[in-house]
Amino acid sequence: MKALFLIPPAAFNARGLPIDRVYGCNYGFDYKPAIHFLQVATFAQVELGWQVRFLDCPAEGVDEAAFDALIAAEQWDVVLHWSTYLSAVEDLEAARRIHARRPGTRFVFMGTAPTWKPEEFRVGDQSWCLLGEPEHTLRELDEAWRGQRRLEGIDGLAWFPPGGGVQRGAFRQLLDVTTLPMPDRGLLLGRYRANRLDVHPITTMAVSRGCGFRCTFCCTNAVDQAIELEFKRLQPTYVQRPPLRKRTVEQIVAEFQDIAARGYKGVEIADNIFTWGKKRTTAICEGIEPLGLHWICLARANMLHDAEQIRAMARAGCKMVYMGSETFDDGLLEDCVKEIHVRDVVQAVETCRANGVEPEISVLIGASPNETWSTVYNSWRMSRRLGTRFVHFSVALPSPSTEMYDQAMHNGWFVEGDFRPADNAREVIINLPHLSRAELALALKLAYAAQYLSPAGIWKQVSAVRSGEDLLHKARSATRLLGFLAERTAQASSSIPPGRVTPPSA
């Protein structure tokens, strides 16, 4: 089977910017390898014996004209797409162009968008959707193509019978992640950078699936969003998330070694949480310390209080830890079942900074329906007071995999009646009881402006520049930020009644 794993040119989406497919909820200010899609490509190559081409058009500099020339010159048996909510439009456009040129091509879609609404992903007469976790469903679909089984009875598959409509298989039981092959980064032909790492080239890494916590708003990474969508089908009401599954310490160290051997200098670990226990984290760090890699990861604030563990991470090359503070109000944290307190975030920032790892915090405006201008201002003040180099701001996006989606549907928060794909670092699709859509949008812009356009904010970014290429990359990110801040700000603020945005006196 000759297979093309395709990320289309950015020109195929409305913004003309590459869409992030690692976390799956925004365009992002930098662009990273779609690690979960690479994992499926490697599975197809190693386990199914397919001949695989992984084409990441934005990373390889393949524009619309080059793409059209490529599909005119080459033919594949099957083209596969990793479709987030935002990327569905560009993925379907690419598939339709290929179908028009090569009508016999098979198309396979996987990810959040086709798991949510597979009926929208029919291209020609040979289209299939892998729902939730894709690898083992792809194996059985390959068997069906070879005449070894029927489509009926394949769990986790959606297909389109000749008479019309869509058929969905049952929920697919989750696989053992320790049986997956190591992602083959030799398939990546593009080059990647990340704002939060001062080295390049960089790659991404994902060594677990699942989370173990149940924050109401949380858009986990892209593969877990799709898995959670399917998992919700098993529950009449939202009760819990799928179980956490982790690769072994030995597997993780071996993957780091492979990354270093391929010449990468930095790694962004995209697991929802990387620091699962001091003993495990320390063992990983001891195994990778000699490699000299720089890496960043995500963790919960209450997992970052142990100074000895943080020092081990720093010695192993950890440069930054991203933690979701979301808000600096304990009542709002309780509303969204975050299971941490403000003091946990403050202690985590102090512990990381004192022991050689730079902390980054995330503020999610509107994570609780009880958010007000007073609590928003308080989060801004605390963010500035903590003084981290990066603060990630976004507005809550109740995606269909979350409990907040159920709340939004029940309470009528969606502006358009239901979820629609949106970039939660730029767009707002809800009204909350105390903050309108326009107010939430303005709060997001003001937060970014205060954090990154102040003299202190500008100096923090400029002082991190290490080369001319690094300066160029940061300048491009800054241009995107300025463009976002300029979008419809006056229009948004004019729709807010006078006095609503006045800072509280306290």
Protein backbone atom coordinates (compact mmCIF):
# COMPACT_ATOMS: atom_id res chain seq x y z
CA MET A 1 0.00 0.00 0.00
CA LYS A 2 1.45 3.33 -1.07
CA ALA A 3 0.23 5.88 1.46
CA LEU A 4 0.45 9.65 1.76
CA PHE A 5 0.09 11.09 5.25
CA LEU A 6 -0.79 14.66 4.34
CA ILE A 7 -0.82 18.06 6.04
CA PRO A 8 -1.97 20.44 3.27
CA PRO A 9 -0.62 23.91 2.42
CA ALA A 10 -1.68 26.66 4.82
CA ALA A 11 -3.23 28.52 1.86
CA PHE A 12 -6.15 26.07 2.08
CA ASN A 13 -7.45 27.62 5.33
CA ALA A 14 -9.06 31.02 5.84
CA ARG A 15 -6.09 32.59 7.65
CA GLY A 16 -3.35 31.20 5.47
CA LEU A 17 -1.41 30.20 8.60
CA PRO A 18 -0.30 26.70 9.62
CA ILE A 19 -2.74 25.07 12.02
CA ASP A 20 -1.40 23.39 15.15
CA ARG A 21 -2.20 19.66 15.10
CA VAL A 22 -0.45 18.70 18.32
CA TYR A 23 -2.91 20.33 20.72
CA GLY A 24 -5.54 20.97 18.09
CA CYS A 25 -7.22 24.16 19.30
CA ASN A 26 -5.41 27.06 17.61
CA TYR A 27 -3.12 28.21 14.82
CA GLY A 28 -0.33 28.83 17.29
CA PHE A 29 2.52 31.32 17.21
CA ASP A 30 4.95 28.62 16.10
CA TYR A 31 4.60 25.34 14.22
CA LYS A 32 5.57 21.89 15.46
CA PRO A 33 5.57 18.31 14.10
CA ALA A 34 2.16 16.62 14.37
CA ILE A 35 3.49 13.89 16.64
CA HIS A 36 0.27 11.87 16.95
CA PHE A 37 -0.12 11.76 13.16
CA LEU A 38 3.53 10.71 12.86
CA GLN A 39 2.80 7.91 15.32
CA VAL A 40 0.04 6.57 13.03
CA ALA A 41 2.30 6.88 9.96
CA THR A 42 5.00 4.90 11.76
CA PHE A 43 2.45 2.27 12.78
CA ALA A 44 1.36 1.92 9.15
CA GLN A 45 4.97 1.59 8.04
CA VAL A 46 6.15 -0.83 10.73
CA GLU A 47 3.05 -2.87 11.56
CA LEU A 48 1.20 -2.86 8.22
CA GLY A 49 4.17 -2.80 5.87
CA TRP A 50 2.95 0.25 3.97
CA GLN A 51 5.16 2.47 1.85
CA VAL A 52 4.74 5.80 3.65
CA ARG A 53 5.35 9.41 2.65
CA PHE A 54 4.74 11.96 5.42
CA LEU A 55 4.16 15.29 3.67
CA ASP A 56 3.97 18.32 5.98
CA CYS A 57 3.47 21.09 3.44
CA PRO A 58 3.93 24.09 5.81
CA ALA A 59 7.16 22.65 7.25
CA GLU A 60 8.52 21.61 3.85
CA GLY A 61 7.64 24.89 2.12
CA VAL A 62 5.14 23.24 -0.26
CA ASP A 63 2.71 25.94 -1.37
CA GLU A 64 -0.55 25.58 -3.30
CA ALA A 65 1.09 25.53 -6.73
CA ALA A 66 3.72 22.98 -5.66
CA PHE A 67 1.00 20.82 -4.09
CA ASP A 68 -1.08 20.81 -7.28
CA ALA A 69 2.01 19.89 -9.28
CA LEU A 70 2.81 17.08 -6.85
CA ILE A 71 -0.61 15.44 -7.03
CA ALA A 72 -0.48 15.71 -10.82
CA ALA A 73 2.84 13.90 -10.90
CA GLU A 74 2.35 11.23 -8.20
CA GLN A 75 -0.38 8.79 -7.25
CA TRP A 76 -1.07 7.07 -3.92
CA ASP A 77 -3.34 4.17 -3.04
CA VAL A 78 -4.54 5.99 0.08
CA VAL A 79 -4.27 9.54 1.45
CA LEU A 80 -4.65 10.02 5.20
CA HIS A 81 -5.49 13.21 7.09
CA TRP A 82 -5.19 14.16 10.77
CA SER A 83 -8.14 16.54 11.08
CA THR A 84 -8.59 18.84 14.04
CA TYR A 85 -11.71 21.01 14.23
CA LEU A 86 -9.84 23.93 12.69
CA SER A 87 -8.09 21.95 9.97
CA ALA A 88 -11.13 20.11 8.59
CA VAL A 89 -11.71 22.73 5.90
CA GLU A 90 -8.18 22.53 4.51
CA ASP A 91 -8.03 18.75 4.77
CA LEU A 92 -11.26 18.36 2.81
CA GLU A 93 -10.07 20.86 0.20
CA ALA A 94 -6.87 18.87 -0.32
CA ALA A 95 -8.78 15.57 -0.52
CA ARG A 96 -11.20 16.96 -3.10
CA ARG A 97 -8.36 18.22 -5.25
CA ILE A 98 -6.71 14.82 -5.16
CA HIS A 99 -10.01 13.06 -5.88
CA ALA A 100 -10.65 15.31 -8.89
CA ARG A 101 -7.23 14.39 -10.26
CA ARG A 102 -7.14 10.75 -9.07
CA PRO A 103 -10.73 9.45 -8.62
CA GLY A 104 -9.61 5.99 -7.49
CA THR A 105 -7.74 7.22 -4.43
CA ARG A 106 -8.88 6.07 -0.99
CA PHE A 107 -9.22 8.69 1.77
CA VAL A 108 -8.92 8.11 5.50
CA PHE A 109 -9.66 10.84 8.05
CA MET A 110 -8.84 10.67 11.75
CA GLY A 111 -8.78 13.09 14.67
CA THR A 112 -11.33 15.23 16.48
CA ALA A 113 -13.36 16.60 13.56
CA PRO A 114 -14.14 13.28 11.82
CA THR A 115 -14.73 11.61 15.18
CA TRP A 116 -17.27 14.31 16.03
CA LYS A 117 -19.03 14.52 12.65
CA PRO A 118 -17.89 11.75 10.29
CA GLU A 119 -20.78 12.49 7.94
CA GLU A 120 -18.95 15.62 6.79
CA PHE A 121 -15.90 13.68 5.55
CA ARG A 122 -17.19 11.81 2.53
CA VAL A 123 -14.98 12.44 -0.51
CA GLY A 124 -16.00 10.35 -3.49
CA ASP A 125 -17.03 6.73 -2.92
CA GLN A 126 -13.96 5.58 -1.00
CA SER A 127 -13.77 7.45 2.30
CA TRP A 128 -13.43 6.15 5.84
CA CYS A 129 -13.10 7.79 9.28
CA LEU A 130 -11.10 6.39 12.20
CA LEU A 131 -12.99 7.35 15.36
CA GLY A 132 -11.05 8.02 18.54
CA GLU A 133 -7.81 6.07 18.85
CA PRO A 134 -6.80 5.28 15.25
CA GLU A 135 -4.01 2.69 15.07
CA HIS A 136 -5.79 -0.64 15.54
CA THR A 137 -8.82 0.53 13.56
CA LEU A 138 -6.47 1.29 10.66
CA ARG A 139 -5.06 -2.25 10.92
CA GLU A 140 -8.53 -3.77 10.60
CA LEU A 141 -9.50 -1.40 7.78
CA ASP A 142 -6.38 -2.57 5.91
CA GLU A 143 -7.54 -6.16 6.44
CA ALA A 144 -10.94 -5.25 4.97
CA TRP A 145 -9.28 -3.71 1.92
CA ARG A 146 -7.35 -6.96 1.49
CA GLY A 147 -10.59 -8.96 1.59
CA GLN A 148 -9.78 -10.57 4.95
CA ARG A 149 -12.81 -9.18 6.82
CA ARG A 150 -15.94 -7.05 6.40
CA LEU A 151 -16.29 -3.39 7.32
CA GLU A 152 -19.25 -4.30 9.51
CA GLY A 153 -17.90 -5.24 12.89
CA ILE A 154 -14.82 -2.99 12.81
CA ASP A 155 -14.94 -1.02 16.05
CA GLY A 156 -13.96 2.64 15.84
CA LEU A 157 -14.72 2.93 12.12
CA ALA A 158 -17.18 5.12 10.21
CA TRP A 159 -17.89 4.39 6.56
CA PHE A 160 -20.32 5.44 3.86
CA PRO A 161 -22.53 2.69 2.38
CA PRO A 162 -23.61 3.00 -1.27
CA GLY A 163 -27.19 3.88 -0.35
CA GLY A 164 -26.13 7.01 1.50
CA GLY A 165 -25.73 8.00 5.14
CA VAL A 166 -22.95 6.98 7.47
CA GLN A 167 -22.37 3.83 9.52
CA ARG A 168 -20.47 3.93 12.83
CA GLY A 169 -18.88 0.96 14.49
CA ALA A 170 -18.88 0.38 18.25
CA PHE A 171 -16.41 1.97 20.64
CA ARG A 172 -12.91 0.58 20.19
CA GLN A 173 -11.21 -0.60 23.36
CA LEU A 174 -8.04 1.35 24.09
CA LEU A 175 -4.67 -0.10 23.19
CA ASP A 176 -1.57 -0.69 25.28
CA VAL A 177 0.66 2.29 24.40
CA THR A 178 3.80 0.33 25.26
CA THR A 179 3.15 -1.81 22.14
CA LEU A 180 3.30 1.15 19.75
CA PRO A 181 6.50 1.55 17.70
CA MET A 182 8.72 4.54 18.37
CA PRO A 183 7.73 7.39 16.01
CA ASP A 184 10.03 7.40 12.98
CA ARG A 185 11.28 10.98 12.77
CA GLY A 186 13.12 10.03 9.61
CA LEU A 187 9.74 10.54 7.93
CA LEU A 188 9.84 14.25 8.84
CA LEU A 189 11.38 16.22 5.98
CA GLY A 190 10.56 19.71 7.26
CA ARG A 191 12.33 21.81 9.88
CA TYR A 192 10.65 23.10 13.00
CA ARG A 193 11.22 25.75 15.66
CA ALA A 194 9.49 26.70 18.91
CA ASN A 195 9.30 30.08 20.62
CA ARG A 196 9.83 28.52 24.03
CA LEU A 197 13.07 26.80 23.07
CA ASP A 198 16.20 28.75 22.17
CA VAL A 199 17.69 25.91 20.10
CA HIS A 200 16.77 24.34 16.78
CA PRO A 201 15.85 22.12 15.09
CA ILE A 202 13.22 20.85 17.51
CA THR A 203 10.76 18.00 17.49
CA THR A 204 7.77 16.91 19.55
CA MET A 205 7.25 13.86 21.69
CA ALA A 206 4.19 12.11 23.22
CA VAL A 207 4.75 9.18 25.55
CA SER A 208 1.38 8.81 27.27
CA ARG A 209 -2.31 9.00 26.50
CA GLY A 210 -4.99 10.14 28.90
CA CYS A 211 -4.85 12.47 31.86
CA GLY A 212 -6.31 11.20 35.13
CA PHE A 213 -8.00 14.47 36.07
CA ARG A 214 -11.35 15.87 34.95
CA CYS A 215 -11.13 19.65 34.57
CA THR A 216 -14.45 20.63 33.02
CA PHE A 217 -12.99 22.85 30.29
CA CYS A 218 -9.87 20.95 29.27
CA CYS A 219 -8.96 20.43 25.64
CA THR A 220 -6.33 17.74 26.05
CA ASN A 221 -3.83 17.10 23.28
CA ALA A 222 -5.17 16.23 19.85
CA VAL A 223 -5.24 12.43 20.08
CA ASP A 224 -6.84 12.47 23.53
CA GLN A 225 -9.55 14.87 22.38
CA ALA A 226 -10.60 12.32 19.77
CA ILE A 227 -10.42 9.46 22.26
CA GLU A 228 -12.48 11.40 24.79
CA LEU A 229 -15.15 12.13 22.19
CA GLU A 230 -15.60 8.41 21.63
CA PHE A 231 -15.35 7.66 25.36
CA LYS A 232 -18.29 10.00 26.01
CA ARG A 233 -20.43 7.73 23.83
CA LEU A 234 -20.15 5.08 26.57
CA GLN A 235 -21.57 7.37 29.26
CA PRO A 236 -25.14 8.72 29.44
CA THR A 237 -23.70 11.75 31.26
CA TYR A 238 -20.14 13.02 31.65
CA VAL A 239 -18.57 10.99 34.48
CA GLN A 240 -14.88 10.48 33.85
CA ARG A 241 -12.10 10.54 31.32
CA PRO A 242 -10.43 7.57 29.65
CA PRO A 243 -7.72 5.88 31.74
CA LEU A 244 -4.15 7.14 31.76
CA ARG A 245 -1.70 4.95 29.80
CA LYS A 246 2.07 5.51 29.90
CA ARG A 247 5.07 4.20 28.01
CA THR A 248 7.87 2.78 30.14
CA VAL A 249 10.86 4.72 31.42
CA GLU A 250 13.12 2.60 29.20
CA GLN A 251 11.04 3.38 26.11
CA ILE A 252 11.07 7.10 26.86
CA VAL A 253 14.85 7.21 27.37
CA ALA A 254 15.35 5.25 24.14
CA GLU A 255 13.21 7.73 22.24
CA PHE A 256 15.20 10.67 23.62
CA GLN A 257 18.37 8.89 22.52
CA ASP A 258 16.97 8.43 19.01
CA ILE A 259 16.03 12.11 18.86
CA ALA A 260 19.53 13.19 19.87
CA ALA A 261 21.11 10.79 17.36
CA ARG A 262 19.08 12.39 14.57
CA GLY A 263 20.56 15.80 15.33
CA TYR A 264 17.67 17.46 17.08
CA LYS A 265 18.60 20.00 19.74
CA GLY A 266 15.24 20.52 21.44
CA VAL A 267 12.07 18.62 22.30
CA GLU A 268 8.57 19.77 23.21
CA ILE A 269 6.90 16.98 25.19
CA ALA A 270 3.21 17.22 24.32
CA ASP A 271 1.81 14.86 26.96
CA ASN A 272 -1.04 16.40 28.94
CA ILE A 273 1.15 15.83 32.01
CA PHE A 274 4.75 14.59 31.94
CA THR A 275 5.69 14.55 35.63
CA TRP A 276 3.81 11.43 36.75
CA GLY A 277 5.55 10.81 40.08
CA LYS A 278 8.95 11.82 41.41
CA LYS A 279 10.53 8.35 41.08
CA ARG A 280 9.49 7.96 37.43
CA THR A 281 10.38 11.53 36.46
CA THR A 282 13.79 11.32 38.14
CA ALA A 283 14.57 8.00 36.45
CA ILE A 284 13.79 9.49 33.04
CA CYS A 285 15.94 12.52 33.80
CA GLU A 286 18.89 10.41 34.90
CA GLY A 287 18.63 8.42 31.67
CA ILE A 288 18.61 11.44 29.34
CA GLU A 289 20.97 13.80 31.19
CA PRO A 290 24.05 12.84 29.09
CA LEU A 291 22.27 13.71 25.81
CA GLY A 292 22.50 17.50 26.17
CA LEU A 293 19.00 18.08 24.79
CA HIS A 294 16.87 21.08 25.74
CA TRP A 295 13.25 20.19 26.44
CA ILE A 296 9.99 21.57 27.77
CA CYS A 297 6.91 19.81 29.13
CA LEU A 298 3.48 20.26 30.69
CA ALA A 299 2.69 19.56 34.32
CA ARG A 300 0.17 20.34 37.03
CA ALA A 301 1.24 22.99 39.51
CA ASN A 302 0.85 20.69 42.52
CA MET A 303 3.31 18.27 40.88
CA LEU A 304 6.05 20.89 40.84
CA HIS A 305 6.69 21.47 44.54
CA ASP A 306 9.58 19.05 45.04
CA ALA A 307 12.88 20.92 44.67
CA GLU A 308 14.92 17.74 44.23
CA GLN A 309 12.75 16.62 41.31
CA ILE A 310 12.98 20.06 39.66
CA ARG A 311 16.77 20.05 39.99
CA ALA A 312 16.89 16.61 38.35
CA MET A 313 14.79 17.96 35.48
CA ALA A 314 17.08 20.99 35.12
CA ARG A 315 20.21 18.82 35.02
CA ALA A 316 18.58 16.71 32.29
CA GLY A 317 17.96 19.76 30.09
CA CYS A 318 14.43 20.83 31.03
CA LYS A 319 14.26 24.54 30.26
CA MET A 320 10.60 25.29 30.89
CA VAL A 321 7.49 23.76 32.43
CA TYR A 322 4.05 24.86 31.28
CA MET A 323 1.39 24.75 33.98
CA GLY A 324 -2.30 25.61 33.76
CA SER A 325 -3.12 28.14 36.44
CA GLU A 326 -6.31 29.06 34.49
CA THR A 327 -7.38 31.64 37.07
CA PHE A 328 -6.11 33.06 40.35
CA ASP A 329 -9.37 32.66 42.20
CA ASP A 330 -9.86 29.55 44.34
CA GLY A 331 -13.63 29.66 43.92
CA LEU A 332 -13.36 29.58 40.12
CA LEU A 333 -10.79 26.77 40.30
CA GLU A 334 -13.29 24.79 42.33
CA ASP A 335 -16.05 25.55 39.79
CA CYS A 336 -14.08 23.94 36.98
CA VAL A 337 -12.83 20.96 39.06
CA LYS A 338 -9.19 21.95 38.65
CA GLU A 339 -8.21 20.27 41.96
CA ILE A 340 -5.49 22.81 42.74
CA HIS A 341 -5.40 26.11 44.64
CA VAL A 342 -3.79 29.46 43.84
CA ARG A 343 -1.11 28.77 46.42
CA ASP A 344 -0.11 25.65 44.46
CA VAL A 345 0.64 27.76 41.39
CA VAL A 346 2.62 30.34 43.35
CA GLN A 347 4.66 27.61 45.05
CA ALA A 348 5.29 25.83 41.73
CA VAL A 349 6.54 29.01 40.07
CA GLU A 350 8.85 29.77 42.98
CA THR A 351 10.17 26.19 43.18
CA CYS A 352 10.86 25.93 39.46
CA ARG A 353 12.57 29.31 39.29
CA ALA A 354 14.72 28.60 42.36
CA ASN A 355 15.90 25.28 40.97
CA GLY A 356 16.81 26.07 37.38
CA VAL A 357 13.62 25.51 35.36
CA GLU A 358 11.72 28.41 33.88
CA PRO A 359 7.99 28.33 34.67
CA GLU A 360 5.21 29.31 32.26
CA ILE A 361 1.63 29.80 33.35
CA SER A 362 -1.60 29.60 31.40
CA VAL A 363 -4.61 31.82 32.08
CA LEU A 364 -7.89 30.58 30.64
CA ILE A 365 -10.39 33.42 30.65
CA GLY A 366 -13.92 32.13 31.21
CA ALA A 367 -12.95 28.69 32.52
CA SER A 368 -15.78 29.14 35.04
CA PRO A 369 -19.22 30.62 34.30
CA ASN A 370 -18.70 32.80 37.37
CA GLU A 371 -15.82 34.72 35.75
CA THR A 372 -16.21 38.51 36.06
CA TRP A 373 -14.10 41.54 35.20
CA SER A 374 -12.93 41.52 38.81
CA THR A 375 -11.59 37.96 38.60
CA VAL A 376 -10.06 38.67 35.17
CA TYR A 377 -8.18 41.68 36.53
CA ASN A 378 -7.02 39.64 39.49
CA SER A 379 -5.57 37.00 37.15
CA TRP A 380 -3.73 39.70 35.18
CA ARG A 381 -2.28 41.20 38.36
CA MET A 382 -1.11 37.84 39.66
CA SER A 383 0.38 36.88 36.29
CA ARG A 384 2.39 40.10 36.20
CA ARG A 385 3.42 39.70 39.83
CA LEU A 386 4.78 36.19 39.22
CA GLY A 387 6.92 37.64 36.43
CA THR A 388 7.23 34.59 34.17
CA ARG A 389 8.71 35.13 30.71
CA PHE A 390 5.67 33.54 29.05
CA VAL A 391 2.00 33.64 29.98
CA HIS A 392 -0.37 31.85 27.64
CA PHE A 393 -3.78 33.51 27.46
CA SER A 394 -6.86 32.03 25.84
CA VAL A 395 -10.63 32.00 26.21
CA ALA A 396 -12.50 28.87 27.21
CA LEU A 397 -13.55 26.86 24.17
CA PRO A 398 -16.17 24.28 25.19
CA SER A 399 -15.18 21.63 22.66
CA PRO A 400 -17.46 18.58 22.30
CA SER A 401 -15.11 16.30 24.24
CA THR A 402 -15.46 18.37 27.44
CA GLU A 403 -17.92 18.60 30.30
CA MET A 404 -18.05 22.36 29.69
CA TYR A 405 -19.58 21.63 26.27
CA ASP A 406 -22.50 19.89 27.98
CA GLN A 407 -22.87 22.86 30.34
CA ALA A 408 -22.77 25.33 27.44
CA MET A 409 -25.43 23.44 25.51
CA HIS A 410 -27.65 23.13 28.57
CA ASN A 411 -27.33 26.81 29.51
CA GLY A 412 -27.35 28.28 26.00
CA TRP A 413 -23.88 29.85 26.16
CA PHE A 414 -22.96 29.21 22.52
CA VAL A 415 -23.42 32.32 20.40
CA GLU A 416 -24.42 30.22 17.38
CA GLY A 417 -26.34 27.56 19.28
CA ASP A 418 -23.60 24.93 19.20
CA PHE A 419 -19.85 24.53 19.04
CA ARG A 420 -18.04 25.66 15.91
CA PRO A 421 -14.33 25.37 15.12
CA ALA A 422 -12.45 28.35 16.54
CA ASP A 423 -8.96 29.40 17.59
CA ASN A 424 -9.23 29.82 21.34
CA ALA A 425 -6.14 32.05 21.43
CA ARG A 426 -7.98 34.52 19.15
CA GLU A 427 -11.71 33.81 18.99
CA VAL A 428 -14.68 33.62 21.35
CA ILE A 429 -17.81 31.56 20.62
CA ILE A 430 -19.68 31.87 23.94
CA ASN A 431 -21.48 34.35 26.15
CA LEU A 432 -21.11 33.70 29.88
CA PRO A 433 -23.52 34.87 32.58
CA HIS A 434 -21.31 37.81 33.65
CA LEU A 435 -19.16 38.44 30.55
CA SER A 436 -20.42 38.76 27.00
CA ARG A 437 -18.63 37.43 23.95
CA ALA A 438 -17.36 40.95 23.18
CA GLU A 439 -16.07 41.37 26.73
CA LEU A 440 -14.28 38.04 26.68
CA ALA A 441 -12.66 38.95 23.35
CA LEU A 442 -11.52 42.33 24.67
CA ALA A 443 -10.20 40.75 27.87
CA LEU A 444 -8.06 38.38 25.80
CA LYS A 445 -6.56 41.21 23.74
CA LEU A 446 -5.87 43.38 26.78
CA ALA A 447 -4.18 40.45 28.51
CA TYR A 448 -1.78 39.83 25.62
CA ALA A 449 -1.06 43.52 25.17
CA ALA A 450 -0.29 44.02 28.86
CA GLN A 451 1.93 40.94 29.02
CA TYR A 452 3.95 41.25 25.81
CA LEU A 453 3.86 44.91 24.74
CA SER A 454 4.94 46.42 28.04
CA PRO A 455 8.63 47.44 28.27
CA ALA A 456 9.31 44.53 30.63
CA GLY A 457 7.52 42.08 28.35
CA ILE A 458 9.42 43.22 25.26
CA TRP A 459 12.75 43.04 27.10
CA LYS A 460 12.09 39.47 28.27
CA GLN A 461 11.64 38.31 24.67
CA VAL A 462 14.49 40.35 23.19
CA SER A 463 16.95 39.22 25.86
CA ALA A 464 16.27 35.60 24.91
CA VAL A 465 17.45 36.06 21.30
CA ARG A 466 20.57 33.98 20.56
CA SER A 467 21.02 34.36 16.79
CA GLY A 468 19.83 36.20 13.72
CA GLU A 469 17.64 33.25 12.77
CA ASP A 470 16.20 33.24 16.27
CA LEU A 471 15.45 36.95 15.97
CA LEU A 472 13.67 36.39 12.66
CA HIS A 473 11.52 33.61 14.14
CA LYS A 474 10.53 35.73 17.13
CA ALA A 475 9.81 38.70 14.86
CA ARG A 476 7.40 36.58 12.83
CA SER A 477 5.62 35.49 16.00
CA ALA A 478 5.45 39.09 17.18
CA THR A 479 3.96 40.13 13.84
CA ARG A 480 1.24 37.50 14.23
CA LEU A 481 0.52 38.74 17.74
CA LEU A 482 0.28 42.36 16.59
CA GLY A 483 -1.99 41.34 13.74
CA PHE A 484 -4.27 39.54 16.18
CA LEU A 485 -4.37 42.54 18.53
CA ALA A 486 -5.33 44.79 15.63
CA GLU A 487 -8.28 42.63 14.55
CA ARG A 488 -11.62 44.30 15.28
CA THR A 489 -10.53 45.61 18.68
CA ALA A 490 -12.35 48.92 18.27
CA GLN A 491 -15.50 47.16 17.09
CA ALA A 492 -15.44 44.74 20.00
CA SER A 493 -14.89 47.42 22.64
CA SER A 494 -17.61 49.68 21.19
CA SER A 495 -20.23 46.98 21.84
CA ILE A 496 -19.48 46.90 25.58
CA PRO A 497 -21.56 49.20 27.81
CA PRO A 498 -19.57 52.05 29.42
CA GLY A 499 -18.14 51.25 32.83
CA ARG A 500 -18.03 47.47 32.41
CA VAL A 501 -14.24 47.37 31.90
CA THR A 502 -13.33 49.66 34.79
CA PRO A 503 -10.70 48.09 37.07
CA PRO A 504 -11.98 47.29 40.57
CA SER A 505 -10.88 49.65 43.31
CA ALA A 506 -9.43 46.89 45.47
